[in-house]
Amino acid sequence: NDDLLDICNRLVSLGLQMGADEIEVFAASQK
């Protein structure tokens, strides 16, 4: 997957909307 950072940023925004004070998202993809 070449858009891992986009996924992370989207989930950060989603977490804040759901009530998180702080949120961190880490993603990895490999072969």
Full PDB file with SEQRES, HELIX, SHEET, SSBOND, CRYST1, ORIGX, SCALE, CONECT and MASTER records, all heavy atoms in Angstrom:
SEQRES   1 A   31  ASN ASP ASP LEU LEU ASP ILE CYS ASN ARG LEU VAL SER          
SEQRES   2 A   31  LEU GLY LEU GLN MET GLY ALA ASP GLU ILE GLU VAL PHE          
SEQRES   3 A   31  ALA ALA SER GLN LYS                                          
HELIX    1 AA1 LEU A    4  GLN A   17  1                                  14    
CRYST1    1.000    1.000    1.000  90.00  90.00  90.00 P 1           1          
ORIGX1      1.000000  0.000000  0.000000        0.00000                         
ORIGX2      0.000000  1.000000  0.000000        0.00000                         
ORIGX3      0.000000  0.000000  1.000000        0.00000                         
SCALE1      1.000000  0.000000  0.000000        0.00000                         
SCALE2      0.000000  1.000000  0.000000        0.00000                         
SCALE3      0.000000  0.000000  1.000000        0.00000                         
ATOM      1  N   ASN A   1       0.838  -1.195   0.000  1.00  0.00           N  
ATOM      2  CA  ASN A   1       0.000   0.000   0.000  1.00  0.00           C  
ATOM      3  C   ASN A   1       0.871   1.242   0.000  1.00  0.00           C  
ATOM      4  O   ASN A   1       1.773   1.383   0.810  1.00  0.00           O  
ATOM      5  CB  ASN A   1      -0.884  -0.016   1.250  1.00  0.00           C  
ATOM      6  CG  ASN A   1      -2.096   0.868   1.091  1.00  0.00           C  
ATOM      7  OD1 ASN A   1      -1.962   2.034   0.765  1.00  0.00           O  
ATOM      8  ND2 ASN A   1      -3.262   0.303   1.316  1.00  0.00           N  
ATOM      9  N   ASP A   2       0.616   2.167  -0.938  1.00  0.00           N  
ATOM     10  CA  ASP A   2       1.442   3.360  -1.069  1.00  0.00           C  
ATOM     11  C   ASP A   2       0.831   4.584  -0.413  1.00  0.00           C  
ATOM     12  O   ASP A   2       1.393   5.670  -0.485  1.00  0.00           O  
ATOM     13  CB  ASP A   2       1.706   3.643  -2.554  1.00  0.00           C  
ATOM     14  CG  ASP A   2       2.645   2.619  -3.174  1.00  0.00           C  
ATOM     15  OD1 ASP A   2       3.554   2.163  -2.474  1.00  0.00           O  
ATOM     16  OD2 ASP A   2       2.449   2.308  -4.353  1.00  0.00           O  
ATOM     17  N   ASP A   3      -0.348   4.493   0.210  1.00  0.00           N  
ATOM     18  CA  ASP A   3      -0.963   5.666   0.827  1.00  0.00           C  
ATOM     19  C   ASP A   3      -1.167   5.439   2.326  1.00  0.00           C  
ATOM     20  O   ASP A   3      -2.175   5.831   2.904  1.00  0.00           O  
ATOM     21  CB  ASP A   3      -2.291   6.004   0.151  1.00  0.00           C  
ATOM     22  CG  ASP A   3      -3.282   4.846   0.208  1.00  0.00           C  
ATOM     23  OD1 ASP A   3      -2.898   3.757   0.657  1.00  0.00           O  
ATOM     24  OD2 ASP A   3      -4.437   5.056  -0.188  1.00  0.00           O  
ATOM     25  N   LEU A   4      -0.188   4.836   2.960  1.00  0.00           N  
ATOM     26  CA  LEU A   4      -0.299   4.555   4.391  1.00  0.00           C  
ATOM     27  C   LEU A   4      -0.426   5.830   5.218  1.00  0.00           C  
ATOM     28  O   LEU A   4      -1.180   5.875   6.187  1.00  0.00           O  
ATOM     29  CB  LEU A   4       0.919   3.750   4.863  1.00  0.00           C  
ATOM     30  CG  LEU A   4       1.036   2.300   4.380  1.00  0.00           C  
ATOM     31  CD1 LEU A   4       2.299   1.663   4.945  1.00  0.00           C  
ATOM     32  CD2 LEU A   4      -0.187   1.495   4.772  1.00  0.00           C  
ATOM     33  N   LEU A   5       0.321   6.870   4.843  1.00  0.00           N  
ATOM     34  CA  LEU A   5       0.254   8.108   5.606  1.00  0.00           C  
ATOM     35  C   LEU A   5      -1.132   8.742   5.500  1.00  0.00           C  
ATOM     36  O   LEU A   5      -1.654   9.294   6.478  1.00  0.00           O  
ATOM     37  CB  LEU A   5       1.331   9.088   5.130  1.00  0.00           C  
ATOM     38  CG  LEU A   5       1.452  10.386   5.943  1.00  0.00           C  
ATOM     39  CD1 LEU A   5       1.672  10.089   7.423  1.00  0.00           C  
ATOM     40  CD2 LEU A   5       2.589  11.249   5.395  1.00  0.00           C  
ATOM     41  N   ASP A   6      -1.758   8.664   4.332  1.00  0.00           N  
ATOM     42  CA  ASP A   6      -3.125   9.182   4.182  1.00  0.00           C  
ATOM     43  C   ASP A   6      -4.085   8.438   5.104  1.00  0.00           C  
ATOM     44  O   ASP A   6      -4.969   9.051   5.726  1.00  0.00           O  
ATOM     45  CB  ASP A   6      -3.590   9.041   2.729  1.00  0.00           C  
ATOM     46  CG  ASP A   6      -2.848   9.966   1.786  1.00  0.00           C  
ATOM     47  OD1 ASP A   6      -2.289  10.966   2.273  1.00  0.00           O  
ATOM     48  OD2 ASP A   6      -2.818   9.679   0.582  1.00  0.00           O  
ATOM     49  N   ILE A   7      -3.922   7.120   5.199  1.00  0.00           N  
ATOM     50  CA  ILE A   7      -4.770   6.331   6.093  1.00  0.00           C  
ATOM     51  C   ILE A   7      -4.567   6.764   7.540  1.00  0.00           C  
ATOM     52  O   ILE A   7      -5.529   6.950   8.301  1.00  0.00           O  
ATOM     53  CB  ILE A   7      -4.457   4.829   5.932  1.00  0.00           C  
ATOM     54  CG1 ILE A   7      -4.876   4.346   4.552  1.00  0.00           C  
ATOM     55  CG2 ILE A   7      -5.161   4.012   7.009  1.00  0.00           C  
ATOM     56  CD1 ILE A   7      -4.481   2.906   4.261  1.00  0.00           C  
ATOM     57  N   CYS A   8      -3.314   6.948   7.930  1.00  0.00           N  
ATOM     58  CA  CYS A   8      -3.017   7.370   9.304  1.00  0.00           C  
ATOM     59  C   CYS A   8      -3.649   8.717   9.626  1.00  0.00           C  
ATOM     60  O   CYS A   8      -4.269   8.896  10.685  1.00  0.00           O  
ATOM     61  CB  CYS A   8      -1.502   7.429   9.518  1.00  0.00           C  
ATOM     62  SG  CYS A   8      -0.674   5.836   9.507  1.00  0.00           S  
ATOM     63  N   ASN A   9      -3.490   9.673   8.723  1.00  0.00           N  
ATOM     64  CA  ASN A   9      -4.052  11.010   8.962  1.00  0.00           C  
ATOM     65  C   ASN A   9      -5.582  10.958   9.050  1.00  0.00           C  
ATOM     66  O   ASN A   9      -6.187  11.656   9.879  1.00  0.00           O  
ATOM     67  CB  ASN A   9      -3.630  11.958   7.839  1.00  0.00           C  
ATOM     68  CG  ASN A   9      -2.188  12.415   7.986  1.00  0.00           C  
ATOM     69  OD1 ASN A   9      -1.715  12.659   9.088  1.00  0.00           O  
ATOM     70  ND2 ASN A   9      -1.482  12.523   6.873  1.00  0.00           N  
ATOM     71  N   ARG A  10      -6.192  10.132   8.214  1.00  0.00           N  
ATOM     72  CA  ARG A  10      -7.650  10.017   8.238  1.00  0.00           C  
ATOM     73  C   ARG A  10      -8.137   9.421   9.560  1.00  0.00           C  
ATOM     74  O   ARG A  10      -9.127   9.874  10.133  1.00  0.00           O  
ATOM     75  CB  ARG A  10      -8.114   9.156   7.060  1.00  0.00           C  
ATOM     76  CG  ARG A  10      -9.637   9.146   6.901  1.00  0.00           C  
ATOM     77  CD  ARG A  10     -10.055   8.505   5.597  1.00  0.00           C  
ATOM     78  NE  ARG A  10      -9.856   7.065   5.584  1.00  0.00           N  
ATOM     79  CZ  ARG A  10      -8.957   6.443   4.852  1.00  0.00           C  
ATOM     80  NH1 ARG A  10      -8.162   7.133   4.045  1.00  0.00           N  
ATOM     81  NH2 ARG A  10      -8.854   5.130   4.885  1.00  0.00           N  
ATOM     82  N   LEU A  11      -7.428   8.426  10.075  1.00  0.00           N  
ATOM     83  CA  LEU A  11      -7.837   7.811  11.334  1.00  0.00           C  
ATOM     84  C   LEU A  11      -7.586   8.725  12.529  1.00  0.00           C  
ATOM     85  O   LEU A  11      -8.321   8.675  13.520  1.00  0.00           O  
ATOM     86  CB  LEU A  11      -7.100   6.481  11.524  1.00  0.00           C  
ATOM     87  CG  LEU A  11      -7.435   5.384  10.515  1.00  0.00           C  
ATOM     88  CD1 LEU A  11      -6.691   4.099  10.854  1.00  0.00           C  
ATOM     89  CD2 LEU A  11      -8.933   5.126  10.457  1.00  0.00           C  
ATOM     90  N   VAL A  12      -6.552   9.567  12.446  1.00  0.00           N  
ATOM     91  CA  VAL A  12      -6.332  10.556  13.505  1.00  0.00           C  
ATOM     92  C   VAL A  12      -7.527  11.508  13.592  1.00  0.00           C  
ATOM     93  O   VAL A  12      -8.054  11.784  14.674  1.00  0.00           O  
ATOM     94  CB  VAL A  12      -5.022  11.339  13.261  1.00  0.00           C  
ATOM     95  CG1 VAL A  12      -4.964  12.575  14.151  1.00  0.00           C  
ATOM     96  CG2 VAL A  12      -3.813  10.443  13.523  1.00  0.00           C  
ATOM     97  N   SER A  13      -7.972  12.004  12.460  1.00  0.00           N  
ATOM     98  CA  SER A  13      -9.136  12.898  12.436  1.00  0.00           C  
ATOM     99  C   SER A  13     -10.379  12.191  12.956  1.00  0.00           C  
ATOM    100  O   SER A  13     -11.164  12.760  13.728  1.00  0.00           O  
ATOM    101  CB  SER A  13      -9.384  13.396  11.005  1.00  0.00           C  
ATOM    102  OG  SER A  13      -8.289  14.147  10.527  1.00  0.00           O  
ATOM    103  N   LEU A  14     -10.557  10.944  12.572  1.00  0.00           N  
ATOM    104  CA  LEU A  14     -11.715  10.176  13.028  1.00  0.00           C  
ATOM    105  C   LEU A  14     -11.677   9.984  14.534  1.00  0.00           C  
ATOM    106  O   LEU A  14     -12.711  10.133  15.217  1.00  0.00           O  
ATOM    107  CB  LEU A  14     -11.732   8.815  12.325  1.00  0.00           C  
ATOM    108  CG  LEU A  14     -12.868   7.866  12.731  1.00  0.00           C  
ATOM    109  CD1 LEU A  14     -14.217   8.464  12.360  1.00  0.00           C  
ATOM    110  CD2 LEU A  14     -12.678   6.503  12.055  1.00  0.00           C  
ATOM    111  N   GLY A  15     -10.513   9.681  15.079  1.00  0.00           N  
ATOM    112  CA  GLY A  15     -10.400   9.470  16.517  1.00  0.00           C  
ATOM    113  C   GLY A  15     -10.717  10.715  17.318  1.00  0.00           C  
ATOM    114  O   GLY A  15     -11.370  10.644  18.376  1.00  0.00           O  
ATOM    115  N   LEU A  16     -10.284  11.868  16.842  1.00  0.00           N  
ATOM    116  CA  LEU A  16     -10.598  13.120  17.537  1.00  0.00           C  
ATOM    117  C   LEU A  16     -12.098  13.396  17.511  1.00  0.00           C  
ATOM    118  O   LEU A  16     -12.678  13.864  18.500  1.00  0.00           O  
ATOM    119  CB  LEU A  16      -9.821  14.276  16.895  1.00  0.00           C  
ATOM    120  CG  LEU A  16      -8.297  14.240  17.071  1.00  0.00           C  
ATOM    121  CD1 LEU A  16      -7.645  15.367  16.293  1.00  0.00           C  
ATOM    122  CD2 LEU A  16      -7.913  14.324  18.554  1.00  0.00           C  
ATOM    123  N   GLN A  17     -12.727  13.088  16.394  1.00  0.00           N  
ATOM    124  CA  GLN A  17     -14.181  13.263  16.295  1.00  0.00           C  
ATOM    125  C   GLN A  17     -14.921  12.344  17.265  1.00  0.00           C  
ATOM    126  O   GLN A  17     -15.989  12.685  17.762  1.00  0.00           O  
ATOM    127  CB  GLN A  17     -14.644  12.982  14.868  1.00  0.00           C  
ATOM    128  CG  GLN A  17     -14.135  13.972  13.827  1.00  0.00           C  
ATOM    129  CD  GLN A  17     -14.454  13.540  12.413  1.00  0.00           C  
ATOM    130  OE1 GLN A  17     -15.288  12.659  12.188  1.00  0.00           O  
ATOM    131  NE2 GLN A  17     -13.790  14.144  11.438  1.00  0.00           N  
ATOM    132  N   MET A  18     -14.344  11.182  17.539  1.00  0.00           N  
ATOM    133  CA  MET A  18     -14.982  10.216  18.434  1.00  0.00           C  
ATOM    134  C   MET A  18     -14.696  10.473  19.908  1.00  0.00           C  
ATOM    135  O   MET A  18     -15.185   9.736  20.767  1.00  0.00           O  
ATOM    136  CB  MET A  18     -14.517   8.798  18.080  1.00  0.00           C  
ATOM    137  CG  MET A  18     -15.016   8.298  16.737  1.00  0.00           C  
ATOM    138  SD  MET A  18     -14.436   6.600  16.435  1.00  0.00           S  
ATOM    139  CE  MET A  18     -15.261   6.226  14.890  1.00  0.00           C  
ATOM    140  N   GLY A  19     -13.891  11.485  20.203  1.00  0.00           N  
ATOM    141  CA  GLY A  19     -13.691  11.843  21.598  1.00  0.00           C  
ATOM    142  C   GLY A  19     -12.320  11.614  22.180  1.00  0.00           C  
ATOM    143  O   GLY A  19     -12.116  11.772  23.395  1.00  0.00           O  
ATOM    144  N   ALA A  20     -11.351  11.231  21.379  1.00  0.00           N  
ATOM    145  CA  ALA A  20      -9.993  11.040  21.884  1.00  0.00           C  
ATOM    146  C   ALA A  20      -9.369  12.390  22.214  1.00  0.00           C  
ATOM    147  O   ALA A  20      -9.541  13.363  21.468  1.00  0.00           O  
ATOM    148  CB  ALA A  20      -9.149  10.314  20.847  1.00  0.00           C  
ATOM    149  N   ASP A  21      -8.652  12.470  23.342  1.00  0.00           N  
ATOM    150  CA  ASP A  21      -7.883  13.680  23.653  1.00  0.00           C  
ATOM    151  C   ASP A  21      -6.639  13.745  22.775  1.00  0.00           C  
ATOM    152  O   ASP A  21      -6.281  14.794  22.249  1.00  0.00           O  
ATOM    153  CB  ASP A  21      -7.467  13.684  25.129  1.00  0.00           C  
ATOM    154  CG  ASP A  21      -8.662  13.760  26.061  1.00  0.00           C  
ATOM    155  OD1 ASP A  21      -9.707  14.299  25.641  1.00  0.00           O  
ATOM    156  OD2 ASP A  21      -8.550  13.282  27.202  1.00  0.00           O  
ATOM    157  N   GLU A  22      -5.966  12.594  22.667  1.00  0.00           N  
ATOM    158  CA  GLU A  22      -4.795  12.461  21.805  1.00  0.00           C  
ATOM    159  C   GLU A  22      -4.875  11.106  21.116  1.00  0.00           C  
ATOM    160  O   GLU A  22      -5.369  10.136  21.686  1.00  0.00           O  
ATOM    161  CB  GLU A  22      -3.492  12.544  22.609  1.00  0.00           C  
ATOM    162  CG  GLU A  22      -3.214  13.886  23.246  1.00  0.00           C  
ATOM    163  CD  GLU A  22      -1.869  13.876  23.965  1.00  0.00           C  
ATOM    164  OE1 GLU A  22      -1.834  13.467  25.139  1.00  0.00           O  
ATOM    165  OE2 GLU A  22      -0.859  14.259  23.347  1.00  0.00           O  
ATOM    166  N   ILE A  23      -4.357  11.035  19.890  1.00  0.00           N  
ATOM    167  CA  ILE A  23      -4.387   9.773  19.158  1.00  0.00           C  
ATOM    168  C   ILE A  23      -3.164   9.675  18.260  1.00  0.00           C  
ATOM    169  O   ILE A  23      -2.720  10.669  17.678  1.00  0.00           O  
ATOM    170  CB  ILE A  23      -5.686   9.621  18.329  1.00  0.00           C  
ATOM    171  CG1 ILE A  23      -5.647   8.308  17.522  1.00  0.00           C  
ATOM    172  CG2 ILE A  23      -5.914  10.820  17.431  1.00  0.00           C  
ATOM    173  CD1 ILE A  23      -6.960   7.972  16.833  1.00  0.00           C  
ATOM    174  N   GLU A  24      -2.621   8.477  18.189  1.00  0.00           N  
ATOM    175  CA  GLU A  24      -1.480   8.189  17.321  1.00  0.00           C  
ATOM    176  C   GLU A  24      -1.801   6.939  16.514  1.00  0.00           C  
ATOM    177  O   GLU A  24      -2.321   5.962  17.044  1.00  0.00           O  
ATOM    178  CB  GLU A  24      -0.232   7.964  18.158  1.00  0.00           C  
ATOM    179  CG  GLU A  24       1.007   7.561  17.354  1.00  0.00           C  
ATOM    180  CD  GLU A  24       2.183   7.239  18.257  1.00  0.00           C  
ATOM    181  OE1 GLU A  24       2.223   6.122  18.817  1.00  0.00           O  
ATOM    182  OE2 GLU A  24       3.043   8.126  18.421  1.00  0.00           O  
ATOM    183  N   VAL A  25      -1.475   6.978  15.219  1.00  0.00           N  
ATOM    184  CA  VAL A  25      -1.721   5.838  14.340  1.00  0.00           C  
ATOM    185  C   VAL A  25      -0.419   5.469  13.640  1.00  0.00           C  
ATOM    186  O   VAL A  25       0.231   6.326  13.029  1.00  0.00           O  
ATOM    187  CB  VAL A  25      -2.807   6.154  13.292  1.00  0.00           C  
ATOM    188  CG1 VAL A  25      -3.046   4.922  12.417  1.00  0.00           C  
ATOM    189  CG2 VAL A  25      -4.101   6.588  13.963  1.00  0.00           C  
ATOM    190  N   PHE A  26      -0.045   4.208  13.749  1.00  0.00           N  
ATOM    191  CA  PHE A  26       1.144   3.692  13.083  1.00  0.00           C  
ATOM    192  C   PHE A  26       0.731   2.613  12.088  1.00  0.00           C  
ATOM    193  O   PHE A  26      -0.115   1.765  12.398  1.00  0.00           O  
ATOM    194  CB  PHE A  26       2.117   3.097  14.098  1.00  0.00           C  
ATOM    195  CG  PHE A  26       3.286   2.382  13.462  1.00  0.00           C  
ATOM    196  CD1 PHE A  26       4.353   3.097  12.945  1.00  0.00           C  
ATOM    197  CD2 PHE A  26       3.305   0.999  13.377  1.00  0.00           C  
ATOM    198  CE1 PHE A  26       5.427   2.444  12.351  1.00  0.00           C  
ATOM    199  CE2 PHE A  26       4.380   0.328  12.783  1.00  0.00           C  
ATOM    200  CZ  PHE A  26       5.440   1.064  12.275  1.00  0.00           C  
ATOM    201  N   ALA A  27       1.306   2.659  10.894  1.00  0.00           N  
ATOM    202  CA  ALA A  27       0.962   1.681   9.858  1.00  0.00           C  
ATOM    203  C   ALA A  27       2.232   1.137   9.225  1.00  0.00           C  
ATOM    204  O   ALA A  27       3.242   1.844   9.111  1.00  0.00           O  
ATOM    205  CB  ALA A  27       0.083   2.326   8.786  1.00  0.00           C  
ATOM    206  N   ALA A  28       2.171  -0.119   8.820  1.00  0.00           N  
ATOM    207  CA  ALA A  28       3.311  -0.741   8.138  1.00  0.00           C  
ATOM    208  C   ALA A  28       2.806  -1.733   7.112  1.00  0.00           C  
ATOM    209  O   ALA A  28       1.779  -2.390   7.310  1.00  0.00           O  
ATOM    210  CB  ALA A  28       4.225  -1.434   9.140  1.00  0.00           C  
ATOM    211  N   SER A  29       3.528  -1.830   6.016  1.00  0.00           N  
ATOM    212  CA  SER A  29       3.202  -2.786   4.962  1.00  0.00           C  
ATOM    213  C   SER A  29       4.513  -3.305   4.393  1.00  0.00           C  
ATOM    214  O   SER A  29       5.448  -2.520   4.183  1.00  0.00           O  
ATOM    215  CB  SER A  29       2.371  -2.104   3.872  1.00  0.00           C  
ATOM    216  OG  SER A  29       2.027  -3.020   2.856  1.00  0.00           O  
ATOM    217  N   GLN A  30       4.617  -4.614   4.152  1.00  0.00           N  
ATOM    218  CA  GLN A  30       5.876  -5.151   3.663  1.00  0.00           C  
ATOM    219  C   GLN A  30       5.674  -6.447   2.888  1.00  0.00           C  
ATOM    220  O   GLN A  30       4.644  -7.112   3.002  1.00  0.00           O  
ATOM    221  CB  GLN A  30       6.839  -5.420   4.827  1.00  0.00           C  
ATOM    222  CG  GLN A  30       6.431  -6.577   5.730  1.00  0.00           C  
ATOM    223  CD  GLN A  30       7.461  -6.844   6.813  1.00  0.00           C  
ATOM    224  OE1 GLN A  30       8.025  -5.918   7.388  1.00  0.00           O  
ATOM    225  NE2 GLN A  30       7.712  -8.104   7.098  1.00  0.00           N  
ATOM    226  N   LYS A  31       6.672  -6.764   2.095  1.00  0.00           N  
ATOM    227  CA  LYS A  31       6.739  -8.068   1.425  1.00  0.00           C  
ATOM    228  C   LYS A  31       8.033  -8.748   1.856  1.00  0.00           C  
ATOM    229  O   LYS A  31       9.034  -8.077   2.152  1.00  0.00           O  
ATOM    230  CB  LYS A  31       6.701  -7.919  -0.093  1.00  0.00           C  
ATOM    231  CG  LYS A  31       7.946  -7.267  -0.697  1.00  0.00           C  
ATOM    232  CD  LYS A  31       7.910  -7.310  -2.219  1.00  0.00           C  
ATOM    233  CE  LYS A  31       9.207  -6.743  -2.808  1.00  0.00           C  
ATOM    234  NZ  LYS A  31       9.238  -6.793  -4.286  1.00  0.00           N  
TER     235      LYS A  31                                                      
MASTER        0    0    0    1    0    0    0    6  234    1    0    3          
END                                                                             
